């Protein structure tokens, strides 16, 4: 599906507002995934190289909403993909919070990695944010400021920072069509800012979420978050962008 860039006609905005209220009131709320938020995958078969170090920070997708265990979530599957590609062990750490927007990830979530960061810089930090900023109707100017601060903070602990764009709301089974179209318009404008903000920073890379195959099989039972297969697909896409 290709995200549209045409604004929703003003006459449809009240319908989008009603649909949004209905989703907030009746939508399924999934918990964050259980299990340790730090782990080690792969083996180095006695090689002298230390394990690669990767971190993931962000919102509910970092926290693993949609799966039962962190091992099924984005970060652990990201580490698995990197271990398979590099034939090295990968030490992973993930910190996320359901509902977090970019400024909250910078303020509240990223500092939770301080203990892990003291062990050495991460080879890769993946940043998963944007959906909640679009849902909160943050302006492009605010998004530019909040995202820039987050990326700069992530770059202080990681050699490479990777960020995917906002997934296409039009593919989310939980969202009615007019509301999804309205949110896609917001997301398109934020993605344009993201592309520019990331391009202006060394060792930060952004790429569009339209590369994800977000069919119904991608989603968990809430029709909003990825399931284990969805996280695996997403994690492998990001792993392919890592310079290791």
Protein backbone atom coordinates (compact mmCIF):
# COMPACT_ATOMS: atom_id res chain seq x y z
CA UNK A 1 0.00 0.00 0.00
CA UNK A 2 1.29 3.48 -0.81
CA UNK A 3 0.74 6.19 1.78
CA UNK A 4 -1.25 9.06 0.38
CA UNK A 5 -0.24 12.68 0.72
CA UNK A 6 -3.61 14.34 0.04
CA UNK A 7 -5.24 15.95 3.07
CA UNK A 8 -8.52 14.57 4.31
CA UNK A 9 -11.37 16.85 3.17
CA UNK A 10 -12.53 19.08 6.06
CA UNK A 11 -16.03 17.63 5.82
CA UNK A 12 -14.65 14.22 6.87
CA UNK A 13 -12.67 15.44 9.88
CA UNK A 14 -15.64 15.08 12.30
CA UNK A 15 -16.02 11.46 11.17
CA UNK A 16 -12.32 10.85 11.81
CA UNK A 17 -12.72 12.36 15.28
CA UNK A 18 -15.67 10.11 16.10
CA UNK A 19 -13.84 7.05 14.83
CA UNK A 20 -10.77 8.00 16.87
CA UNK A 21 -12.82 8.32 20.05
CA UNK A 22 -14.41 4.94 19.38
CA UNK A 23 -11.03 3.26 18.90
CA UNK A 24 -9.62 4.83 22.07
CA UNK A 25 -12.67 3.75 24.05
CA UNK A 26 -13.09 0.24 22.69
CA UNK A 27 -9.70 -0.77 21.31
CA UNK A 28 -7.93 -3.78 22.79
CA UNK A 29 -5.08 -2.93 25.17
CA UNK A 30 -2.21 -5.41 25.06
CA UNK A 31 0.44 -5.57 27.79
CA UNK A 32 4.15 -5.16 27.26
CA UNK A 33 5.99 -8.42 26.66
CA UNK A 34 7.28 -10.34 29.66
CA UNK A 35 10.81 -11.52 30.25
CA UNK A 36 14.28 -10.03 30.56
CA UNK A 37 15.05 -6.92 28.50
CA UNK A 38 18.69 -7.88 28.09
CA UNK A 39 20.09 -11.02 26.51
CA UNK A 40 22.72 -12.73 24.42
CA UNK A 41 22.15 -14.69 21.22
CA UNK A 42 24.47 -16.63 18.95
CA UNK A 43 27.94 -17.94 19.66
CA UNK A 44 31.33 -16.82 18.52
CA UNK A 45 32.74 -20.38 18.43
CA UNK A 46 35.75 -19.35 20.42
CA UNK A 47 36.58 -16.33 18.25
CA UNK A 48 38.52 -13.51 19.86
CA UNK A 49 35.91 -10.92 18.91
CA UNK A 50 33.66 -9.62 21.64
CA UNK A 51 29.90 -9.89 21.05
CA UNK A 52 28.26 -7.17 19.03
CA UNK A 53 26.24 -4.83 21.20
CA UNK A 54 22.83 -3.59 20.08
CA UNK A 55 20.10 -1.59 21.76
CA UNK A 56 16.51 -0.76 20.91
CA UNK A 57 14.59 2.15 22.44
CA UNK A 58 11.12 3.40 21.78
CA UNK A 59 7.42 2.99 22.31
CA UNK A 60 5.13 -0.03 22.67
CA UNK A 61 6.79 -1.76 19.72
CA UNK A 62 10.12 -1.65 21.53
CA UNK A 63 8.36 -2.87 24.68
CA UNK A 64 6.99 -5.88 22.77
CA UNK A 65 3.26 -5.23 22.84
CA UNK A 66 1.66 -7.88 20.65
CA UNK A 67 3.79 -10.82 21.82
CA UNK A 68 4.02 -12.69 25.13
CA UNK A 69 7.79 -12.73 25.61
CA UNK A 70 10.61 -10.33 24.81
CA UNK A 71 12.33 -13.13 22.89
CA UNK A 72 9.49 -12.85 20.33
CA UNK A 73 9.74 -9.07 20.14
CA UNK A 74 11.65 -6.74 17.88
CA UNK A 75 14.93 -6.45 19.77
CA UNK A 76 15.65 -10.13 20.38
CA UNK A 77 14.74 -10.95 16.77
CA UNK A 78 16.92 -8.04 15.60
CA UNK A 79 19.81 -9.59 17.53
CA UNK A 80 19.05 -13.03 16.06
CA UNK A 81 19.12 -11.61 12.54
CA UNK A 82 22.44 -9.85 13.16
CA UNK A 83 23.94 -12.98 14.71
CA UNK A 84 22.94 -15.05 11.69
CA UNK A 85 24.31 -12.45 9.28
CA UNK A 86 27.63 -11.81 11.03
CA UNK A 87 28.18 -15.24 12.62
CA UNK A 88 28.95 -13.45 15.86
CA UNK A 89 27.32 -13.40 19.25
CA UNK A 90 25.07 -10.40 19.83
CA UNK A 91 24.36 -8.85 23.22
CA UNK A 92 21.05 -7.00 23.18
CA UNK A 93 19.23 -4.53 25.41
CA UNK A 94 15.77 -3.10 24.90
CA UNK A 95 13.96 -0.32 26.71
CA UNK A 96 10.49 0.78 25.70
CA UNK A 97 7.26 2.14 27.11
CA UNK A 98 3.74 1.73 25.86
CA UNK A 99 2.40 5.04 24.54
CA UNK A 100 5.74 6.86 24.64
CA UNK A 101 6.30 9.77 22.29
CA UNK A 102 9.72 10.89 21.10
CA UNK A 103 10.35 13.41 23.86
CA UNK A 104 9.31 10.84 26.50
CA UNK A 105 11.71 8.27 25.05
CA UNK A 106 14.51 10.84 25.35
CA UNK A 107 13.51 11.90 28.86
CA UNK A 108 12.36 8.64 30.45
CA UNK A 109 13.33 5.60 28.36
CA UNK A 110 16.79 6.19 26.94
CA UNK A 111 18.32 6.90 30.38
CA UNK A 112 17.36 3.35 31.37
CA UNK A 113 20.20 2.17 29.12
CA UNK A 114 22.84 4.01 31.14
CA UNK A 115 24.02 0.90 33.00
CA UNK A 116 24.33 -1.05 29.76
CA UNK A 117 26.06 1.86 28.03
CA UNK A 118 28.70 1.94 30.77
CA UNK A 119 29.88 -1.45 29.49
CA UNK A 120 30.81 0.20 26.19
CA UNK A 121 29.22 1.87 23.21
CA UNK A 122 26.58 -0.01 21.27
CA UNK A 123 27.39 -0.97 17.70
CA UNK A 124 23.81 -0.19 16.66
CA UNK A 125 20.90 1.59 18.31
CA UNK A 126 17.47 1.15 16.71
CA UNK A 127 14.88 3.82 17.48
CA UNK A 128 11.19 2.89 17.25
CA UNK A 129 9.02 5.99 17.58
CA UNK A 130 6.53 8.08 15.65
CA UNK A 131 3.16 6.37 15.89
CA UNK A 132 2.24 8.04 19.18
CA UNK A 133 3.48 11.42 17.97
CA UNK A 134 1.18 11.09 14.96
CA UNK A 135 -1.70 10.01 17.19
CA UNK A 136 -1.02 13.02 19.43
CA UNK A 137 -1.19 15.36 16.42
CA UNK A 138 2.27 16.76 17.06
CA UNK A 139 3.19 19.40 14.53
CA UNK A 140 6.08 18.85 12.09
CA UNK A 141 8.02 21.58 13.89
CA UNK A 142 7.61 19.90 17.26
CA UNK A 143 8.44 16.52 15.75
CA UNK A 144 11.63 17.94 14.25
CA UNK A 145 12.73 19.24 17.63
CA UNK A 146 11.74 16.14 19.61
CA UNK A 147 13.17 13.67 17.12
CA UNK A 148 16.42 15.60 16.75
CA UNK A 149 16.95 15.56 20.51
CA UNK A 150 16.27 11.81 20.64
CA UNK A 151 18.63 10.98 17.79
CA UNK A 152 21.39 13.13 19.25
CA UNK A 153 21.00 11.38 22.60
CA UNK A 154 21.01 7.94 20.95
CA UNK A 155 24.18 8.84 19.03
CA UNK A 156 26.02 9.43 22.31
CA UNK A 157 25.77 5.71 23.13
CA UNK A 158 25.74 4.08 19.68
CA UNK A 159 28.02 4.03 16.64
CA UNK A 160 25.08 3.78 14.24
CA UNK A 161 21.46 4.83 14.79
CA UNK A 162 18.73 3.28 12.64
CA UNK A 163 15.15 4.48 12.39
CA UNK A 164 12.23 3.28 10.31
CA UNK A 165 9.37 5.50 9.28
CA UNK A 166 5.86 5.35 10.68
CA UNK A 167 3.98 2.24 9.51
CA UNK A 168 1.05 2.86 7.19
CA UNK A 169 -2.05 3.34 9.32
CA UNK A 170 -4.19 2.31 6.38
CA UNK A 171 -3.02 -1.27 6.86
CA UNK A 172 -3.92 -1.46 10.56
CA UNK A 173 -6.99 -3.72 10.93
CA UNK A 174 -8.01 -1.88 14.11
CA UNK A 175 -8.42 1.49 12.38
CA UNK A 176 -11.50 2.50 10.36
CA UNK A 177 -10.76 3.81 6.88
CA UNK A 178 -11.40 7.54 7.31
CA UNK A 179 -9.44 7.68 10.56
CA UNK A 180 -6.59 5.69 9.00
CA UNK A 181 -6.50 8.06 6.04
CA UNK A 182 -6.35 11.05 8.37
CA UNK A 183 -3.53 9.52 10.41
CA UNK A 184 -1.62 8.59 7.27
CA UNK A 185 -1.68 12.23 6.24
CA UNK A 186 -0.16 13.20 9.60
CA UNK A 187 2.39 10.40 9.37
CA UNK A 188 3.41 11.39 5.86
CA UNK A 189 4.26 14.90 7.03
CA UNK A 190 6.23 13.57 10.02
CA UNK A 191 8.10 11.11 7.80
CA UNK A 192 9.23 13.95 5.54
CA UNK A 193 10.70 15.65 8.59
CA UNK A 194 12.29 12.39 9.78
CA UNK A 195 14.03 11.88 6.46
CA UNK A 196 15.50 15.37 6.60
CA UNK A 197 16.50 15.20 10.28
CA UNK A 198 18.25 11.86 9.85
CA UNK A 199 20.02 12.90 6.64
CA UNK A 200 21.54 15.87 8.47
CA UNK A 201 23.26 13.60 11.02
CA UNK A 202 26.27 11.38 10.52
CA UNK A 203 25.76 7.69 11.31
CA UNK A 204 21.96 8.06 11.45
CA UNK A 205 19.84 6.36 8.80
CA UNK A 206 16.11 6.55 8.14
CA UNK A 207 14.16 4.36 5.75
CA UNK A 208 10.48 4.10 5.00
CA UNK A 209 8.18 1.58 6.66
CA UNK A 210 6.53 1.02 3.28
CA UNK A 211 9.13 -1.72 2.83
CA UNK A 212 7.23 -3.77 5.42
CA UNK A 213 4.64 -6.23 4.17
CA UNK A 214 1.90 -5.19 6.58
CA UNK A 215 -0.85 -7.56 5.58
CA UNK A 216 -3.23 -8.86 8.25
CA UNK A 217 -0.75 -11.64 9.03
CA UNK A 218 1.66 -8.96 10.29
CA UNK A 219 -0.57 -7.93 13.19
CA UNK A 220 -1.36 -9.20 16.67
CA UNK A 221 -4.91 -9.80 17.87
CA UNK A 222 -5.41 -6.10 18.62
CA UNK A 223 -5.00 -5.23 14.94
CA UNK A 224 -2.53 -2.51 15.89
CA UNK A 225 0.78 -4.01 17.06
CA UNK A 226 2.91 -6.57 15.21
CA UNK A 227 2.79 -10.24 16.13
CA UNK A 228 5.93 -12.38 16.39
CA UNK A 229 6.12 -12.84 12.61
CA UNK A 230 5.61 -9.11 12.09
CA UNK A 231 8.39 -8.25 14.51
CA UNK A 232 10.66 -10.76 12.83
CA UNK A 233 10.06 -9.25 9.39
CA UNK A 234 10.64 -5.75 10.73
CA UNK A 235 13.76 -6.77 12.67
CA UNK A 236 15.31 -8.42 9.62
CA UNK A 237 14.65 -5.33 7.52
CA UNK A 238 16.45 -3.13 10.04
CA UNK A 239 19.27 -5.65 10.48
CA UNK A 240 19.97 -5.47 6.77
CA UNK A 241 20.74 -1.75 7.20
CA UNK A 242 23.30 -2.23 9.96
CA UNK A 243 26.92 -1.56 8.96
CA UNK A 244 28.74 -4.39 10.69
